[in-house]
Protein backbone atom coordinates (compact mmCIF):
# COMPACT_ATOMS: atom_id res chain seq x y z
CA MET A 1 -4.71 2.08 -2.07
CA GLY A 2 -4.41 2.85 -5.77
CA SER A 3 -1.50 5.26 -5.43
CA GLY A 4 0.83 3.17 -7.58
CA LYS A 5 2.87 1.24 -5.01
CA SER A 6 2.84 -2.00 -6.98
CA THR A 7 3.92 -0.19 -10.14
CA VAL A 8 6.53 2.10 -8.60
CA GLY A 9 7.99 -0.53 -6.26
CA PRO A 10 9.63 -2.70 -8.94
CA LEU A 11 11.03 0.41 -10.67
CA LEU A 12 12.49 1.65 -7.40
CA ALA A 13 13.91 -1.77 -6.53
CA LYS A 14 15.61 -1.98 -9.92
CA ARG A 15 17.18 1.47 -9.51
CA LEU A 16 18.48 0.53 -6.07
CA SER A 17 19.48 -3.02 -7.08
CA TYR A 18 17.14 -4.34 -4.38
CA ARG A 19 14.58 -7.15 -4.36
CA PHE A 20 10.91 -6.23 -4.62
CA VAL A 21 8.07 -7.75 -2.59
CA ASP A 22 4.43 -6.93 -3.08
CA LEU A 23 2.87 -7.61 0.31
CA ASP A 24 -0.55 -8.39 -1.16
CA GLU A 25 0.99 -11.06 -3.39
CA ARG A 26 2.83 -12.56 -0.43
CA VAL A 27 -0.39 -12.64 1.62
CA MET A 28 -2.10 -14.51 -1.23
CA GLU A 29 0.77 -17.03 -1.25
CA LEU A 30 0.50 -17.54 2.51
CA ALA A 31 -3.30 -17.90 2.33
CA ASP A 32 -3.27 -19.91 -0.89
CA ASN A 33 -6.23 -17.72 -1.76
CA SER A 34 -7.07 -14.30 -3.20
CA ILE A 35 -7.37 -11.34 -0.87
CA ALA A 36 -11.07 -11.04 -1.72
CA GLU A 37 -11.57 -14.70 -0.76
CA VAL A 38 -9.64 -14.28 2.50
CA PHE A 39 -11.88 -11.33 3.40
CA ALA A 40 -15.04 -13.21 2.39
CA GLU A 41 -14.17 -16.53 4.05
CA GLU A 42 -12.12 -15.50 7.07
CA GLY A 43 -12.71 -11.77 7.53
CA GLN A 44 -10.56 -8.68 7.69
CA ALA A 45 -8.91 -9.69 10.97
CA ALA A 46 -7.54 -12.89 9.40
CA PHE A 47 -6.27 -10.89 6.44
CA ARG A 48 -4.53 -8.40 8.75
CA THR A 49 -2.88 -11.29 10.64
CA LEU A 50 -1.52 -12.75 7.40
CA GLU A 51 -0.43 -9.29 6.31
CA ALA A 52 1.48 -8.80 9.59
CA VAL A 53 3.23 -12.15 9.11
CA ALA A 54 4.18 -11.25 5.53
CA LEU A 55 5.41 -7.81 6.59
CA GLY A 56 7.49 -9.29 9.41
CA GLU A 57 9.11 -11.72 6.99
CA ALA A 58 9.85 -9.00 4.46
CA MET A 59 11.33 -6.64 7.04
CA MET A 60 13.85 -9.31 8.02
CA THR A 61 15.33 -9.12 4.50
CA ASP A 62 18.08 -6.66 3.61
CA ARG A 63 18.03 -4.58 0.45
CA ILE A 64 14.33 -4.89 -0.26
CA VAL A 65 11.54 -2.61 -1.45
CA ILE A 66 8.18 -3.58 0.03
CA SER A 67 4.89 -2.50 -1.48
CA THR A 68 2.58 -2.53 1.51
CA GLY A 69 -1.18 -2.64 1.46
CA GLY A 70 -2.99 0.54 2.48
CA GLY A 71 -3.60 -0.82 5.98
CA SER A 72 -0.29 -2.59 6.56
CA LEU A 73 1.32 0.10 8.67
CA LEU A 74 -1.75 1.36 10.53
CA GLY A 75 -0.63 -0.30 13.75
CA GLN A 76 1.95 1.80 15.58
CA GLU A 77 4.14 -1.28 16.17
CA SER A 78 4.23 -2.15 12.46
CA LEU A 79 4.98 1.46 11.56
CA ARG A 80 7.73 1.66 14.18
CA GLN A 81 9.33 -1.57 12.93
CA ALA A 82 9.18 -0.38 9.34
CA ARG A 83 10.77 2.95 10.23
CA ASP A 84 13.45 1.19 12.30
CA THR A 85 14.37 -1.19 9.48
CA GLY A 86 14.18 1.14 6.50
CA ALA A 87 12.69 4.24 4.94
CA VAL A 88 8.89 4.55 4.82
CA VAL A 89 7.49 6.43 1.84
CA TYR A 90 3.91 7.69 1.50
CA LEU A 91 2.73 8.05 -2.09
CA ARG A 92 0.13 10.79 -1.57
CA MET A 93 -2.62 11.14 -4.15
CA ALA A 94 -5.77 13.25 -4.30
CA VAL A 95 -9.03 11.43 -3.54
CA ARG A 96 -10.44 12.25 -7.00
CA ASN A 97 -7.46 10.59 -8.69
CA VAL A 98 -7.57 7.51 -6.45
CA THR A 99 -11.30 7.26 -7.19
CA GLU A 100 -10.65 7.35 -10.93
CA ARG A 101 -7.99 4.65 -10.67
CA LEU A 102 -10.11 2.37 -8.50
CA ASN A 103 -13.47 2.98 -10.17
CA ARG A 104 -13.54 -0.57 -11.57
CA ALA A 105 -11.44 -2.36 -8.94
CA SER A 106 -13.82 -5.12 -7.92
CA ASP A 107 -10.97 -7.10 -6.33
CA ARG A 108 -10.62 -4.72 -3.37
CA PRO A 109 -12.87 -5.85 -0.51
CA LEU A 110 -12.86 -2.48 1.27
CA LEU A 111 -14.39 -0.91 -1.84
CA LEU A 112 -17.40 -3.21 -2.07
CA ASP A 113 -20.85 -2.75 -0.57
CA SER A 114 -22.30 -5.11 2.03
CA ASP A 115 -23.54 -7.39 -0.77
CA GLY A 116 -20.08 -7.65 -2.33
CA ARG A 117 -20.88 -5.37 -5.27
CA MET A 118 -18.72 -2.51 -6.49
CA LEU A 119 -19.72 0.83 -5.01
CA SER A 120 -21.15 3.59 -7.20
CA LYS A 121 -18.61 6.26 -8.13
CA ASP A 122 -19.98 8.70 -5.51
CA ALA A 123 -20.05 6.03 -2.80
CA LEU A 124 -16.55 4.93 -3.82
CA ARG A 125 -15.25 8.49 -3.51
CA ASP A 126 -16.89 8.77 -0.08
CA ARG A 127 -15.35 5.46 1.06
CA ILE A 128 -11.89 6.43 -0.17
CA GLU A 129 -12.19 9.83 1.49
CA SER A 130 -13.29 8.20 4.75
CA LEU A 131 -10.39 5.72 4.69
CA LEU A 132 -7.96 8.54 3.96
CA VAL A 133 -9.28 10.74 6.79
CA GLU A 134 -8.78 7.78 9.13
CA ARG A 135 -5.38 6.74 7.80
CA GLU A 136 -3.64 9.93 6.72
CA PRO A 137 -2.39 10.91 10.21
CA ILE A 138 -0.51 7.62 10.23
CA TYR A 139 0.60 7.85 6.59
CA GLU A 140 2.04 11.30 7.28
CA GLN A 141 4.43 9.75 9.80
CA ALA A 142 6.36 8.36 6.83
CA GLU A 143 9.92 9.53 6.47
CA PHE A 144 9.26 10.69 2.91
CA ILE A 145 6.04 11.93 1.32
CA VAL A 146 5.82 12.08 -2.46
CA ASP A 147 2.86 13.83 -4.08
CA VAL A 148 2.22 11.57 -7.06
CA ASP A 149 -0.80 13.09 -8.82
CA LEU A 150 1.19 14.68 -11.66
CA LEU A 151 4.09 12.22 -11.77
CA SER A 152 4.70 9.13 -13.89
CA PRO A 153 5.82 5.94 -12.13
CA VAL A 154 9.37 6.57 -13.36
CA ASP A 155 9.28 10.12 -11.97
CA ILE A 156 7.98 8.82 -8.63
CA ALA A 157 10.80 6.27 -8.40
CA ASP A 158 13.31 9.00 -9.29
CA ALA A 159 11.89 11.29 -6.60
CA ILE A 160 12.25 8.54 -3.99
CA VAL A 161 15.85 7.80 -5.04
CA GLU A 162 16.64 11.52 -4.80
CA ALA A 163 15.12 11.70 -1.32
CA LEU A 164 17.07 8.63 -0.17
CA ASN A 165 20.31 10.03 -1.59
CA ALA A 166 19.73 13.40 0.08
CA LYS A 167 19.25 11.60 3.41
CA ALA A 168 22.46 9.58 3.07
């Protein structure tokens, strides 16, 4: 979350002459609602179900770059399918930098308090750190890991293209 997937994805897709799909946008199309509203009205489980449907659709498409949500590949089956159908890339970013980027992101349900208000900066950092501790063992199963803290979106896309070319 906040590592730049939705910014880097279109750049990478253009370099590869692939289509780009932002999974969050596709989930909103399927739900005919915002992600925040899906969480509020139907809960996280309903969101994850829609996300799995959107991911399954996207993975059936050739020559595509998919920007997944931070929780999209947490299930081992989803991760396995993604790895079997393409290259999985983890855009790794330090907690402090993610916190700075998301400090005013009121549209992210996992970063709100129980009353739906944006967390304080300290609480936000703690939440991001907690999510990362939980998720990083799965993220690190990606085929490629790019440390993005000091890179521009263009540099990140270039690094991914280089990694893909080196693999080929």
